Amino acid sequence: MSEKSPSERIDGRIAELGDWRGDVLAKARALIKVAIPDVVEEWKWRGVPTWYAGGKIVCTGETYKDKVKLTFAKGAALDDPKRLFNSSLDGNARRAIDIGAGDGIDEGALKALLVAAADLNAGRS
């Protein structure tokens, strides 16, 4: 029996959550795939969905009891005019978006951040 692919593992995580966190992670994943059509999905650090563009991490999708956290590896270098980043604001590299139960996602602003992150990875920013 072969080992599951990263995409299959992410599918499994979404299904096993079975609540609003799975819905948020699935929606974020869909937006990532639209914003970055050639994105590569990986499964890192004992179960963290991770998305790559240009061979570098764009963001991770961690799930906690009270939130889904999208952490952008180079978030501090990105413009965030809609102020989506609301966590990990003090570091000089990462920035995160914590999404709680009932929080909406500004799809346009998130897609713009994702595109900017992929462009930064490719040296196009």
PDB file of N, CA and C in Angstrom:
ATOM      1  N   MET A   1       0.852  -1.174   0.000  1.00  0.00           N
ATOM      2  CA  MET A   1       0.000   0.000   0.000  1.00  0.00           C
ATOM      3  C   MET A   1       0.898   1.237   0.000  1.00  0.00           C
ATOM      4  N   SER A   2       0.627   2.159  -0.911  1.00  0.00           N
ATOM      5  CA  SER A   2       1.470   3.341  -1.011  1.00  0.00           C
ATOM      6  C   SER A   2       1.051   4.409  -0.005  1.00  0.00           C
ATOM      7  N   GLU A   3       2.015   5.243   0.340  1.00  0.00           N
ATOM      8  CA  GLU A   3       1.768   6.333   1.268  1.00  0.00           C
ATOM      9  C   GLU A   3       0.906   7.386   0.579  1.00  0.00           C
ATOM     10  N   LYS A   4       0.088   8.064   1.351  1.00  0.00           N
ATOM     11  CA  LYS A   4      -0.781   9.093   0.799  1.00  0.00           C
ATOM     12  C   LYS A   4       0.021  10.300   0.347  1.00  0.00           C
ATOM     13  N   SER A   5      -0.467  10.938  -0.705  1.00  0.00           N
ATOM     14  CA  SER A   5       0.163  12.162  -1.189  1.00  0.00           C
ATOM     15  C   SER A   5      -0.166  13.306  -0.230  1.00  0.00           C
ATOM     16  N   PRO A   6       0.606  14.401  -0.299  1.00  0.00           N
ATOM     17  CA  PRO A   6       0.275  15.555   0.539  1.00  0.00           C
ATOM     18  C   PRO A   6      -1.162  16.049   0.310  1.00  0.00           C
ATOM     19  N   SER A   7      -1.598  16.084  -0.929  1.00  0.00           N
ATOM     20  CA  SER A   7      -2.966  16.538  -1.224  1.00  0.00           C
ATOM     21  C   SER A   7      -4.005  15.616  -0.583  1.00  0.00           C
ATOM     22  N   GLU A   8      -3.754  14.316  -0.619  1.00  0.00           N
ATOM     23  CA  GLU A   8      -4.670  13.372   0.028  1.00  0.00           C
ATOM     24  C   GLU A   8      -4.674  13.549   1.541  1.00  0.00           C
ATOM     25  N   ARG A   9      -3.522  13.840   2.107  1.00  0.00           N
ATOM     26  CA  ARG A   9      -3.451  14.077   3.550  1.00  0.00           C
ATOM     27  C   ARG A   9      -4.220  15.340   3.943  1.00  0.00           C
ATOM     28  N   ILE A  10      -4.118  16.383   3.104  1.00  0.00           N
ATOM     29  CA  ILE A  10      -4.864  17.610   3.373  1.00  0.00           C
ATOM     30  C   ILE A  10      -6.359  17.346   3.251  1.00  0.00           C
ATOM     31  N   ASP A  11      -6.759  16.578   2.234  1.00  0.00           N
ATOM     32  CA  ASP A  11      -8.165  16.166   2.116  1.00  0.00           C
ATOM     33  C   ASP A  11      -8.615  15.465   3.389  1.00  0.00           C
ATOM     34  N   GLY A  12      -7.769  14.562   3.894  1.00  0.00           N
ATOM     35  CA  GLY A  12      -8.096  13.823   5.110  1.00  0.00           C
ATOM     36  C   GLY A  12      -8.217  14.723   6.324  1.00  0.00           C
ATOM     37  N   ARG A  13      -7.332  15.707   6.445  1.00  0.00           N
ATOM     38  CA  ARG A  13      -7.399  16.638   7.576  1.00  0.00           C
ATOM     39  C   ARG A  13      -8.706  17.420   7.540  1.00  0.00           C
ATOM     40  N   ILE A  14      -9.073  17.904   6.366  1.00  0.00           N
ATOM     41  CA  ILE A  14     -10.321  18.661   6.228  1.00  0.00           C
ATOM     42  C   ILE A  14     -11.500  17.785   6.645  1.00  0.00           C
ATOM     43  N   ALA A  15     -11.517  16.543   6.178  1.00  0.00           N
ATOM     44  CA  ALA A  15     -12.613  15.625   6.504  1.00  0.00           C
ATOM     45  C   ALA A  15     -12.636  15.277   7.991  1.00  0.00           C
ATOM     46  N   GLU A  16     -11.474  15.029   8.572  1.00  0.00           N
ATOM     47  CA  GLU A  16     -11.438  14.613   9.982  1.00  0.00           C
ATOM     48  C   GLU A  16     -11.845  15.746  10.921  1.00  0.00           C
ATOM     49  N   LEU A  17     -11.593  16.989  10.537  1.00  0.00           N
ATOM     50  CA  LEU A  17     -12.008  18.111  11.381  1.00  0.00           C
ATOM     51  C   LEU A  17     -13.528  18.126  11.505  1.00  0.00           C
ATOM     52  N   GLY A  18     -14.212  17.997  10.381  1.00  0.00           N
ATOM     53  CA  GLY A  18     -15.665  17.851  10.395  1.00  0.00           C
ATOM     54  C   GLY A  18     -16.446  18.996  11.013  1.00  0.00           C
ATOM     55  N   ASP A  19     -15.836  20.176  11.094  1.00  0.00           N
ATOM     56  CA  ASP A  19     -16.542  21.321  11.672  1.00  0.00           C
ATOM     57  C   ASP A  19     -16.165  22.581  10.898  1.00  0.00           C
ATOM     58  N   TRP A  20     -16.403  23.734  11.487  1.00  0.00           N
ATOM     59  CA  TRP A  20     -16.128  25.002  10.816  1.00  0.00           C
ATOM     60  C   TRP A  20     -14.665  25.149  10.417  1.00  0.00           C
ATOM     61  N   ARG A  21     -13.750  24.535  11.197  1.00  0.00           N
ATOM     62  CA  ARG A  21     -12.327  24.638  10.869  1.00  0.00           C
ATOM     63  C   ARG A  21     -12.017  23.938   9.551  1.00  0.00           C
ATOM     64  N   GLY A  22     -12.650  22.786   9.334  1.00  0.00           N
ATOM     65  CA  GLY A  22     -12.476  22.094   8.064  1.00  0.00           C
ATOM     66  C   GLY A  22     -13.023  22.920   6.906  1.00  0.00           C
ATOM     67  N   ASP A  23     -14.166  23.566   7.140  1.00  0.00           N
ATOM     68  CA  ASP A  23     -14.760  24.421   6.105  1.00  0.00           C
ATOM     69  C   ASP A  23     -13.833  25.587   5.771  1.00  0.00           C
ATOM     70  N   VAL A  24     -13.264  26.228   6.806  1.00  0.00           N
ATOM     71  CA  VAL A  24     -12.365  27.372   6.591  1.00  0.00           C
ATOM     72  C   VAL A  24     -11.093  26.919   5.877  1.00  0.00           C
ATOM     73  N   LEU A  25     -10.522  25.797   6.314  1.00  0.00           N
ATOM     74  CA  LEU A  25      -9.309  25.295   5.676  1.00  0.00           C
ATOM     75  C   LEU A  25      -9.582  24.946   4.213  1.00  0.00           C
ATOM     76  N   ALA A  26     -10.724  24.327   3.947  1.00  0.00           N
ATOM     77  CA  ALA A  26     -11.078  23.978   2.564  1.00  0.00           C
ATOM     78  C   ALA A  26     -11.250  25.227   1.707  1.00  0.00           C
ATOM     79  N   LYS A  27     -11.891  26.242   2.263  1.00  0.00           N
ATOM     80  CA  LYS A  27     -12.099  27.487   1.512  1.00  0.00           C
ATOM     81  C   LYS A  27     -10.757  28.177   1.250  1.00  0.00           C
ATOM     82  N   ALA A  28      -9.904  28.237   2.267  1.00  0.00           N
ATOM     83  CA  ALA A  28      -8.588  28.850   2.084  1.00  0.00           C
ATOM     84  C   ALA A  28      -7.790  28.090   1.035  1.00  0.00           C
ATOM     85  N   ARG A  29      -7.835  26.784   1.093  1.00  0.00           N
ATOM     86  CA  ARG A  29      -7.119  25.951   0.118  1.00  0.00           C
ATOM     87  C   ARG A  29      -7.614  26.218  -1.295  1.00  0.00           C
ATOM     88  N   ALA A  30      -8.919  26.319  -1.464  1.00  0.00           N
ATOM     89  CA  ALA A  30      -9.487  26.599  -2.788  1.00  0.00           C
ATOM     90  C   ALA A  30      -9.023  27.963  -3.301  1.00  0.00           C
ATOM     91  N   LEU A  31      -8.988  28.954  -2.421  1.00  0.00           N
ATOM     92  CA  LEU A  31      -8.521  30.285  -2.817  1.00  0.00           C
ATOM     93  C   LEU A  31      -7.038  30.263  -3.184  1.00  0.00           C
ATOM     94  N   ILE A  32      -6.255  29.495  -2.452  1.00  0.00           N
ATOM     95  CA  ILE A  32      -4.825  29.356  -2.758  1.00  0.00           C
ATOM     96  C   ILE A  32      -4.651  28.783  -4.154  1.00  0.00           C
ATOM     97  N   LYS A  33      -5.418  27.756  -4.471  1.00  0.00           N
ATOM     98  CA  LYS A  33      -5.296  27.110  -5.782  1.00  0.00           C
ATOM     99  C   LYS A  33      -5.749  28.014  -6.927  1.00  0.00           C
ATOM    100  N   VAL A  34      -6.707  28.894  -6.663  1.00  0.00           N
ATOM    101  CA  VAL A  34      -7.144  29.847  -7.685  1.00  0.00           C
ATOM    102  C   VAL A  34      -6.095  30.942  -7.862  1.00  0.00           C
ATOM    103  N   ALA A  35      -5.591  31.463  -6.754  1.00  0.00           N
ATOM    104  CA  ALA A  35      -4.627  32.565  -6.799  1.00  0.00           C
ATOM    105  C   ALA A  35      -3.282  32.134  -7.380  1.00  0.00           C
ATOM    106  N   ILE A  36      -2.886  30.898  -7.077  1.00  0.00           N
ATOM    107  CA  ILE A  36      -1.579  30.381  -7.511  1.00  0.00           C
ATOM    108  C   ILE A  36      -1.818  29.037  -8.204  1.00  0.00           C
ATOM    109  N   PRO A  37      -2.183  29.052  -9.482  1.00  0.00           N
ATOM    110  CA  PRO A  37      -2.555  27.803 -10.168  1.00  0.00           C
ATOM    111  C   PRO A  37      -1.494  26.709 -10.132  1.00  0.00           C
ATOM    112  N   ASP A  38      -0.209  27.064 -10.065  1.00  0.00           N
ATOM    113  CA  ASP A  38       0.845  26.047 -10.048  1.00  0.00           C
ATOM    114  C   ASP A  38       1.378  25.769  -8.638  1.00  0.00           C
ATOM    115  N   VAL A  39       0.572  26.090  -7.634  1.00  0.00           N
ATOM    116  CA  VAL A  39       0.978  25.875  -6.248  1.00  0.00           C
ATOM    117  C   VAL A  39       1.250  24.391  -5.999  1.00  0.00           C
ATOM    118  N   VAL A  40       2.224  24.131  -5.134  1.00  0.00           N
ATOM    119  CA  VAL A  40       2.569  22.761  -4.748  1.00  0.00           C
ATOM    120  C   VAL A  40       2.140  22.573  -3.298  1.00  0.00           C
ATOM    121  N   GLU A  41       1.384  21.513  -3.051  1.00  0.00           N
ATOM    122  CA  GLU A  41       0.935  21.205  -1.693  1.00  0.00           C
ATOM    123  C   GLU A  41       1.902  20.219  -1.052  1.00  0.00           C
ATOM    124  N   GLU A  42       2.233  20.494   0.192  1.00  0.00           N
ATOM    125  CA  GLU A  42       3.085  19.600   0.973  1.00  0.00           C
ATOM    126  C   GLU A  42       2.443  19.372   2.333  1.00  0.00           C
ATOM    127  N   TRP A  43       2.937  18.372   3.030  1.00  0.00           N
ATOM    128  CA  TRP A  43       2.466  17.995   4.364  1.00  0.00           C
ATOM    129  C   TRP A  43       3.690  18.001   5.258  1.00  0.00           C
ATOM    130  N   LYS A  44       3.833  19.012   6.105  1.00  0.00           N
ATOM    131  CA  LYS A  44       5.058  19.215   6.868  1.00  0.00           C
ATOM    132  C   LYS A  44       4.812  19.121   8.364  1.00  0.00           C
ATOM    133  N   TRP A  45       5.890  18.983   9.087  1.00  0.00           N
ATOM    134  CA  TRP A  45       5.917  19.096  10.548  1.00  0.00           C
ATOM    135  C   TRP A  45       4.791  18.327  11.229  1.00  0.00           C
ATOM    136  N   ARG A  46       4.701  17.052  10.919  1.00  0.00           N
ATOM    137  CA  ARG A  46       3.712  16.176  11.560  1.00  0.00           C
ATOM    138  C   ARG A  46       2.270  16.638  11.357  1.00  0.00           C
ATOM    139  N   GLY A  47       1.970  17.149  10.191  1.00  0.00           N
ATOM    140  CA  GLY A  47       0.576  17.405   9.884  1.00  0.00           C
ATOM    141  C   GLY A  47       0.166  18.838   9.616  1.00  0.00           C
ATOM    142  N   VAL A  48       1.015  19.622   8.999  1.00  0.00           N
ATOM    143  CA  VAL A  48       0.656  20.995   8.671  1.00  0.00           C
ATOM    144  C   VAL A  48       0.593  21.137   7.151  1.00  0.00           C
ATOM    145  N   PRO A  49      -0.610  21.424   6.619  1.00  0.00           N
ATOM    146  CA  PRO A  49      -0.693  21.703   5.179  1.00  0.00           C
ATOM    147  C   PRO A  49       0.173  22.928   4.858  1.00  0.00           C
ATOM    148  N   THR A  50       0.987  22.784   3.819  1.00  0.00           N
ATOM    149  CA  THR A  50       1.931  23.829   3.438  1.00  0.00           C
ATOM    150  C   THR A  50       1.886  24.000   1.932  1.00  0.00           C
ATOM    151  N   TRP A  51       1.834  25.257   1.495  1.00  0.00           N
ATOM    152  CA  TRP A  51       1.745  25.554   0.070  1.00  0.00           C
ATOM    153  C   TRP A  51       2.989  26.297  -0.382  1.00  0.00           C
ATOM    154  N   TYR A  52       3.551  25.822  -1.515  1.00  0.00           N
ATOM    155  CA  TYR A  52       4.790  26.349  -2.065  1.00  0.00           C
ATOM    156  C   TYR A  52       4.551  26.942  -3.452  1.00  0.00           C
ATOM    157  N   ALA A  53       5.307  27.992  -3.752  1.00  0.00           N
ATOM    158  CA  ALA A  53       5.388  28.545  -5.104  1.00  0.00           C
ATOM    159  C   ALA A  53       6.832  28.968  -5.312  1.00  0.00           C
ATOM    160  N   GLY A  54       7.358  28.686  -6.483  1.00  0.00           N
ATOM    161  CA  GLY A  54       8.750  29.029  -6.745  1.00  0.00           C
ATOM    162  C   GLY A  54       9.719  28.279  -5.860  1.00  0.00           C
ATOM    163  N   GLY A  55       9.314  27.122  -5.362  1.00  0.00           N
ATOM    164  CA  GLY A  55      10.179  26.312  -4.510  1.00  0.00           C
ATOM    165  C   GLY A  55      10.284  26.799  -3.078  1.00  0.00           C
ATOM    166  N   LYS A  56       9.489  27.809  -2.719  1.00  0.00           N
ATOM    167  CA  LYS A  56       9.545  28.385  -1.373  1.00  0.00           C
ATOM    168  C   LYS A  56       8.148  28.413  -0.766  1.00  0.00           C
ATOM    169  N   ILE A  57       8.100  28.399   0.553  1.00  0.00           N
ATOM    170  CA  ILE A  57       6.807  28.399   1.234  1.00  0.00           C
ATOM    171  C   ILE A  57       6.072  29.711   0.992  1.00  0.00           C
ATOM    172  N   VAL A  58       4.806  29.584   0.594  1.00  0.00           N
ATOM    173  CA  VAL A  58       3.910  30.734   0.530  1.00  0.00           C
ATOM    174  C   VAL A  58       3.233  30.871   1.888  1.00  0.00           C
ATOM    175  N   CYS A  59       2.537  29.804   2.304  1.00  0.00           N
ATOM    176  CA  CYS A  59       1.873  29.840   3.604  1.00  0.00           C
ATOM    177  C   CYS A  59       1.592  28.429   4.096  1.00  0.00           C
ATOM    178  N   THR A  60       1.256  28.364   5.382  1.00  0.00           N
ATOM    179  CA  THR A  60       0.839  27.117   6.005  1.00  0.00           C
ATOM    180  C   THR A  60      -0.591  27.288   6.496  1.00  0.00           C
ATOM    181  N   GLY A  61      -1.263  26.183   6.731  1.00  0.00           N
ATOM    182  CA  GLY A  61      -2.633  26.215   7.235  1.00  0.00           C
ATOM    183  C   GLY A  61      -2.766  25.348   8.474  1.00  0.00           C
ATOM    184  N   GLU A  62      -2.524  25.936   9.619  1.00  0.00           N
ATOM    185  CA  GLU A  62      -2.602  25.204  10.878  1.00  0.00           C
ATOM    186  C   GLU A  62      -4.011  25.316  11.457  1.00  0.00           C
ATOM    187  N   THR A  63      -4.447  24.256  12.108  1.00  0.00           N
ATOM    188  CA  THR A  63      -5.766  24.275  12.747  1.00  0.00           C
ATOM    189  C   THR A  63      -5.607  24.092  14.244  1.00  0.00           C
ATOM    190  N   TYR A  64      -6.306  24.927  14.982  1.00  0.00           N
ATOM    191  CA  TYR A  64      -6.325  24.885  16.437  1.00  0.00           C
ATOM    192  C   TYR A  64      -7.775  24.789  16.889  1.00  0.00           C
ATOM    193  N   LYS A  65      -7.967  24.618  18.157  1.00  0.00           N
ATOM    194  CA  LYS A  65      -9.312  24.482  18.710  1.00  0.00           C
ATOM    195  C   LYS A  65     -10.190  25.685  18.359  1.00  0.00           C
ATOM    196  N   ASP A  66      -9.604  26.881  18.410  1.00  0.00           N
ATOM    197  CA  ASP A  66     -10.390  28.107  18.255  1.00  0.00           C
ATOM    198  C   ASP A  66     -10.101  28.901  16.990  1.00  0.00           C
ATOM    199  N   LYS A  67      -9.231  28.372  16.099  1.00  0.00           N
ATOM    200  CA  LYS A  67      -8.896  29.140  14.901  1.00  0.00           C
ATOM    201  C   LYS A  67      -8.219  28.281  13.848  1.00  0.00           C
ATOM    202  N   VAL A  68      -8.249  28.821  12.636  1.00  0.00           N
ATOM    203  CA  VAL A  68      -7.404  28.341  11.548  1.00  0.00           C
ATOM    204  C   VAL A  68      -6.397  29.454  11.327  1.00  0.00           C
ATOM    205  N   LYS A  69      -5.126  29.104  11.294  1.00  0.00           N
ATOM    206  CA  LYS A  69      -4.052  30.093  11.166  1.00  0.00           C
ATOM    207  C   LYS A  69      -3.353  29.900   9.828  1.00  0.00           C
ATOM    208  N   LEU A  70      -3.437  30.933   8.992  1.00  0.00           N
ATOM    209  CA  LEU A  70      -2.691  30.952   7.740  1.00  0.00           C
ATOM    210  C   LEU A  70      -1.442  31.794   7.973  1.00  0.00           C
ATOM    211  N   THR A  71      -0.297  31.132   8.001  1.00  0.00           N
ATOM    212  CA  THR A  71       0.960  31.821   8.266  1.00  0.00           C
ATOM    213  C   THR A  71       1.739  31.974   6.969  1.00  0.00           C
ATOM    214  N   PHE A  72       2.033  33.218   6.623  1.00  0.00           N
ATOM    215  CA  PHE A  72       2.788  33.538   5.415  1.00  0.00           C
ATOM    216  C   PHE A  72       4.266  33.649   5.785  1.00  0.00           C
ATOM    217  N   ALA A  73       5.097  32.834   5.152  1.00  0.00           N
ATOM    218  CA  ALA A  73       6.516  32.761   5.504  1.00  0.00           C
ATOM    219  C   ALA A  73       7.220  34.106   5.361  1.00  0.00           C
ATOM    220  N   LYS A  74       6.848  34.886   4.354  1.00  0.00           N
ATOM    221  CA  LYS A  74       7.475  36.192   4.120  1.00  0.00           C
ATOM    222  C   LYS A  74       6.441  37.306   4.237  1.00  0.00           C
ATOM    223  N   GLY A  75       5.494  37.132   5.109  1.00  0.00           N
ATOM    224  CA  GLY A  75       4.391  38.076   5.246  1.00  0.00           C
ATOM    225  C   GLY A  75       4.807  39.496   5.581  1.00  0.00           C
ATOM    226  N   ALA A  76       5.878  39.653   6.338  1.00  0.00           N
ATOM    227  CA  ALA A  76       6.317  40.997   6.724  1.00  0.00           C
ATOM    228  C   ALA A  76       6.752  41.814   5.514  1.00  0.00           C
ATOM    229  N   ALA A  77       7.095  41.150   4.420  1.00  0.00           N
ATOM    230  CA  ALA A  77       7.536  41.838   3.212  1.00  0.00           C
ATOM    231  C   ALA A  77       6.380  42.161   2.263  1.00  0.00           C
ATOM    232  N   LEU A  78       5.159  41.780   2.643  1.00  0.00           N
ATOM    233  CA  LEU A  78       4.008  41.980   1.764  1.00  0.00           C
ATOM    234  C   LEU A  78       3.181  43.184   2.188  1.00  0.00           C
ATOM    235  N   ASP A  79       2.678  43.909   1.201  1.00  0.00           N
ATOM    236  CA  ASP A  79       1.707  44.965   1.487  1.00  0.00           C
ATOM    237  C   ASP A  79       0.397  44.295   1.878  1.00  0.00           C
ATOM    238  N   ASP A  80      -0.255  44.828   2.879  1.00  0.00           N
ATOM    239  CA  ASP A  80      -1.521  44.282   3.364  1.00  0.00           C
ATOM    240  C   ASP A  80      -2.519  45.431   3.558  1.00  0.00           C
ATOM    241  N   PRO A  81      -2.964  46.037   2.458  1.00  0.00           N
ATOM    242  CA  PRO A  81      -3.824  47.217   2.574  1.00  0.00           C
ATOM    243  C   PRO A  81      -5.162  46.938   3.262  1.00  0.00           C
ATOM    244  N   LYS A  82      -5.643  45.717   3.211  1.00  0.00           N
ATOM    245  CA  LYS A  82      -6.920  45.363   3.851  1.00  0.00           C
ATOM    246  C   LYS A  82      -6.723  44.882   5.283  1.00  0.00           C
ATOM    247  N   ARG A  83      -5.473  44.869   5.744  1.00  0.00           N
ATOM    248  CA  ARG A  83      -5.130  44.487   7.118  1.00  0.00           C
ATOM    249  C   ARG A  83      -5.658  43.099   7.517  1.00  0.00           C
ATOM    250  N   LEU A  84      -5.402  42.148   6.636  1.00  0.00           N
ATOM    251  CA  LEU A  84      -5.791  40.769   6.944  1.00  0.00           C
ATOM    252  C   LEU A  84      -4.896  40.164   8.023  1.00  0.00           C
ATOM    253  N   PHE A  85      -3.609  40.529   8.000  1.00  0.00           N
ATOM    254  CA  PHE A  85      -2.695  39.976   9.004  1.00  0.00           C
ATOM    255  C   PHE A  85      -3.109  40.485  10.379  1.00  0.00           C
ATOM    256  N   ASN A  86      -3.363  39.544  11.280  1.00  0.00           N
ATOM    257  CA  ASN A  86      -3.803  39.902  12.629  1.00  0.00           C
ATOM    258  C   ASN A  86      -3.058  39.109  13.710  1.00  0.00           C
ATOM    259  N   SER A  87      -1.975  38.446  13.314  1.00  0.00           N
ATOM    260  CA  SER A  87      -1.223  37.621  14.252  1.00  0.00           C
ATOM    261  C   SER A  87       0.238  37.564  13.798  1.00  0.00           C
ATOM    262  N   SER A  88       1.137  37.281  14.732  1.00  0.00           N
ATOM    263  CA  SER A  88       2.578  37.200  14.443  1.00  0.00           C
ATOM    264  C   SER A  88       3.067  38.501  13.817  1.00  0.00           C
ATOM    265  N   LEU A  89       2.623  39.615  14.361  1.00  0.00           N
ATOM    266  CA  LEU A  89       2.913  40.917  13.762  1.00  0.00           C
ATOM    267  C   LEU A  89       4.251  41.504  14.188  1.00  0.00           C
ATOM    268  N   ASP A  90       4.892  40.935  15.197  1.00  0.00           N
ATOM    269  CA  ASP A  90       6.123  41.521  15.725  1.00  0.00           C
ATOM    270  C   ASP A  90       7.402  41.002  15.077  1.00  0.00           C
ATOM    271  N   GLY A  91       7.328  39.895  14.385  1.00  0.00           N
ATOM    272  CA  GLY A  91       8.530  39.326  13.776  1.00  0.00           C
ATOM    273  C   GLY A  91       8.935  40.075  12.519  1.00  0.00           C
ATOM    274  N   ASN A  92      10.148  39.782  12.040  1.00  0.00           N
ATOM    275  CA  ASN A  92      10.587  40.455  10.831  1.00  0.00           C
ATOM    276  C   ASN A  92      10.462  39.587   9.591  1.00  0.00           C
ATOM    277  N   ALA A  93       9.779  38.455   9.671  1.00  0.00           N
ATOM    278  CA  ALA A  93       9.581  37.623   8.488  1.00  0.00           C
ATOM    279  C   ALA A  93       8.111  37.198   8.339  1.00  0.00           C
ATOM    280  N   ARG A  94       7.628  36.433   9.283  1.00  0.00           N
ATOM    281  CA  ARG A  94       6.287  35.854   9.158  1.00  0.00           C
ATOM    282  C   ARG A  94       5.191  36.837   9.545  1.00  0.00           C
ATOM    283  N   ARG A  95       4.015  36.588   8.979  1.00  0.00           N
ATOM    284  CA  ARG A  95       2.771  37.241   9.393  1.00  0.00           C
ATOM    285  C   ARG A  95       1.679  36.177   9.253  1.00  0.00           C
ATOM    286  N   ALA A  96       0.652  36.281  10.071  1.00  0.00           N
ATOM    287  CA  ALA A  96      -0.405  35.275  10.032  1.00  0.00           C
ATOM    288  C   ALA A  96      -1.778  35.919  10.040  1.00  0.00           C
ATOM    289  N   ILE A  97      -2.732  35.141   9.563  1.00  0.00           N
ATOM    290  CA  ILE A  97      -4.141  35.504   9.605  1.00  0.00           C
ATOM    291  C   ILE A  97      -4.834  34.445  10.444  1.00  0.00           C
ATOM    292  N   ASP A  98      -5.355  34.843  11.583  1.00  0.00           N
ATOM    293  CA  ASP A  98      -6.128  33.933  12.429  1.00  0.00           C
ATOM    294  C   ASP A  98      -7.595  34.091  12.065  1.00  0.00           C
ATOM    295  N   ILE A  99      -8.236  32.975  11.732  1.00  0.00           N
ATOM    296  CA  ILE A  99      -9.645  32.985  11.355  1.00  0.00           C
ATOM    297  C   ILE A  99     -10.408  32.149  12.369  1.00  0.00           C
ATOM    298  N   GLY A 100     -11.310  32.789  13.088  1.00  0.00           N
ATOM    299  CA  GLY A 100     -12.092  32.109  14.109  1.00  0.00           C
ATOM    300  C   GLY A 100     -13.452  31.691  13.573  1.00  0.00           C
ATOM    301  N   ALA A 101     -14.184  30.957  14.398  1.00  0.00           N
ATOM    302  CA  ALA A 101     -15.534  30.522  14.026  1.00  0.00           C
ATOM    303  C   ALA A 101     -16.380  31.754  13.722  1.00  0.00           C
ATOM    304  N   GLY A 102     -17.035  31.749  12.593  1.00  0.00           N
ATOM    305  CA  GLY A 102     -17.907  32.856  12.232  1.00  0.00           C
ATOM    306  C   GLY A 102     -17.213  34.023  11.563  1.00  0.00           C
ATOM    307  N   ASP A 103     -15.879  34.016  11.538  1.00  0.00           N
ATOM    308  CA  ASP A 103     -15.154  35.082  10.841  1.00  0.00           C
ATOM    309  C   ASP A 103     -15.291  34.877   9.335  1.00  0.00           C
ATOM    310  N   GLY A 104     -15.467  35.944   8.643  1.00  0.00           N
ATOM    311  CA  GLY A 104     -15.496  35.867   7.190  1.00  0.00           C
ATOM    312  C   GLY A 104     -14.096  35.943   6.619  1.00  0.00           C
ATOM    313  N   ILE A 105     -13.984  35.630   5.342  1.00  0.00           N
ATOM    314  CA  ILE A 105     -12.718  35.734   4.624  1.00  0.00           C
ATOM    315  C   ILE A 105     -12.928  36.726   3.490  1.00  0.00           C
ATOM    316  N   ASP A 106     -12.125  37.779   3.453  1.00  0.00           N
ATOM    317  CA  ASP A 106     -12.147  38.709   2.330  1.00  0.00           C
ATOM    318  C   ASP A 106     -11.394  38.018   1.194  1.00  0.00           C
ATOM    319  N   GLU A 107     -12.154  37.351   0.324  1.00  0.00           N
ATOM    320  CA  GLU A 107     -11.538  36.512  -0.703  1.00  0.00           C
ATOM    321  C   GLU A 107     -10.628  37.291  -1.635  1.00  0.00           C
ATOM    322  N   GLY A 108     -11.062  38.474  -2.049  1.00  0.00           N
ATOM    323  CA  GLY A 108     -10.244  39.277  -2.949  1.00  0.00           C
ATOM    324  C   GLY A 108      -8.934  39.692  -2.317  1.00  0.00           C
ATOM    325  N   ALA A 109      -8.989  40.137  -1.063  1.00  0.00           N
ATOM    326  CA  ALA A 109      -7.777  40.569  -0.365  1.00  0.00           C
ATOM    327  C   ALA A 109      -6.843  39.387  -0.108  1.00  0.00           C
ATOM    328  N   LEU A 110      -7.408  38.218   0.254  1.00  0.00           N
ATOM    329  CA  LEU A 110      -6.572  37.042   0.490  1.00  0.00           C
ATOM    330  C   LEU A 110      -5.907  36.597  -0.809  1.00  0.00           C
ATOM    331  N   LYS A 111      -6.653  36.578  -1.904  1.00  0.00           N
ATOM    332  CA  LYS A 111      -6.058  36.200  -3.188  1.00  0.00           C
ATOM    333  C   LYS A 111      -4.925  37.158  -3.557  1.00  0.00           C
ATOM    334  N   ALA A 112      -5.120  38.457  -3.325  1.00  0.00           N
ATOM    335  CA  ALA A 112      -4.070  39.434  -3.633  1.00  0.00           C
ATOM    336  C   ALA A 112      -2.811  39.166  -2.801  1.00  0.00           C
ATOM    337  N   LEU A 113      -2.976  38.831  -1.515  1.00  0.00           N
ATOM    338  CA  LEU A 113      -1.821  38.499  -0.677  1.00  0.00           C
ATOM    339  C   LEU A 113      -1.111  37.246  -1.188  1.00  0.00           C
ATOM    340  N   LEU A 114      -1.887  36.260  -1.585  1.00  0.00           N
ATOM    341  CA  LEU A 114      -1.304  35.012  -2.083  1.00  0.00           C
ATOM    342  C   LEU A 114      -0.512  35.241  -3.367  1.00  0.00           C
ATOM    343  N   VAL A 115      -1.085  36.014  -4.283  1.00  0.00           N
ATOM    344  CA  VAL A 115      -0.393  36.329  -5.531  1.00  0.00           C
ATOM    345  C   VAL A 115       0.898  37.091  -5.225  1.00  0.00           C
ATOM    346  N   ALA A 116       0.817  38.068  -4.329  1.00  0.00           N
ATOM    347  CA  ALA A 116       2.002  38.845  -3.954  1.00  0.00           C
ATOM    348  C   ALA A 116       3.075  37.953  -3.333  1.00  0.00           C
ATOM    349  N   ALA A 117       2.661  36.993  -2.504  1.00  0.00           N
ATOM    350  CA  ALA A 117       3.614  36.074  -1.879  1.00  0.00           C
ATOM    351  C   ALA A 117       4.277  35.193  -2.927  1.00  0.00           C
ATOM    352  N   ALA A 118       3.508  34.690  -3.882  1.00  0.00           N
ATOM    353  CA  ALA A 118       4.082  33.872  -4.960  1.00  0.00           C
ATOM    354  C   ALA A 118       5.026  34.702  -5.813  1.00  0.00           C
ATOM    355  N   ASP A 119       4.640  35.944  -6.107  1.00  0.00           N
ATOM    356  CA  ASP A 119       5.506  36.843  -6.880  1.00  0.00           C
ATOM    357  C   ASP A 119       6.810  37.114  -6.143  1.00  0.00           C
ATOM    358  N   LEU A 120       6.714  37.334  -4.835  1.00  0.00           N
ATOM    359  CA  LEU A 120       7.912  37.563  -4.032  1.00  0.00           C
ATOM    360  C   LEU A 120       8.837  36.347  -4.090  1.00  0.00           C
ATOM    361  N   ASN A 121       8.263  35.166  -3.979  1.00  0.00           N
ATOM    362  CA  ASN A 121       9.075  33.928  -4.055  1.00  0.00           C
ATOM    363  C   ASN A 121       9.777  33.811  -5.403  1.00  0.00           C
ATOM    364  N   ALA A 122       9.110  34.285  -6.458  1.00  0.00           N
ATOM    365  CA  ALA A 122       9.676  34.175  -7.803  1.00  0.00           C
ATOM    366  C   ALA A 122      10.562  35.366  -8.164  1.00  0.00           C
ATOM    367  N   GLY A 123      10.718  36.314  -7.226  1.00  0.00           N
ATOM    368  CA  GLY A 123      11.527  37.484  -7.491  1.00  0.00           C
ATOM    369  C   GLY A 123      10.853  38.518  -8.373  1.00  0.00           C
ATOM    370  N   ARG A 124       9.507  38.479  -8.419  1.00  0.00           N
ATOM    371  CA  ARG A 124       8.763  39.399  -9.282  1.00  0.00           C
ATOM    372  C   ARG A 124       8.157  40.574  -8.506  1.00  0.00           C
ATOM    373  N   SER A 125       8.522  40.770  -7.268  1.00  0.00           N
ATOM    374  CA  SER A 125       7.895  41.863  -6.521  1.00  0.00           C
ATOM    375  C   SER A 125       8.761  43.091  -6.499  1.00  0.00           C
TER     376      SER A 125
END
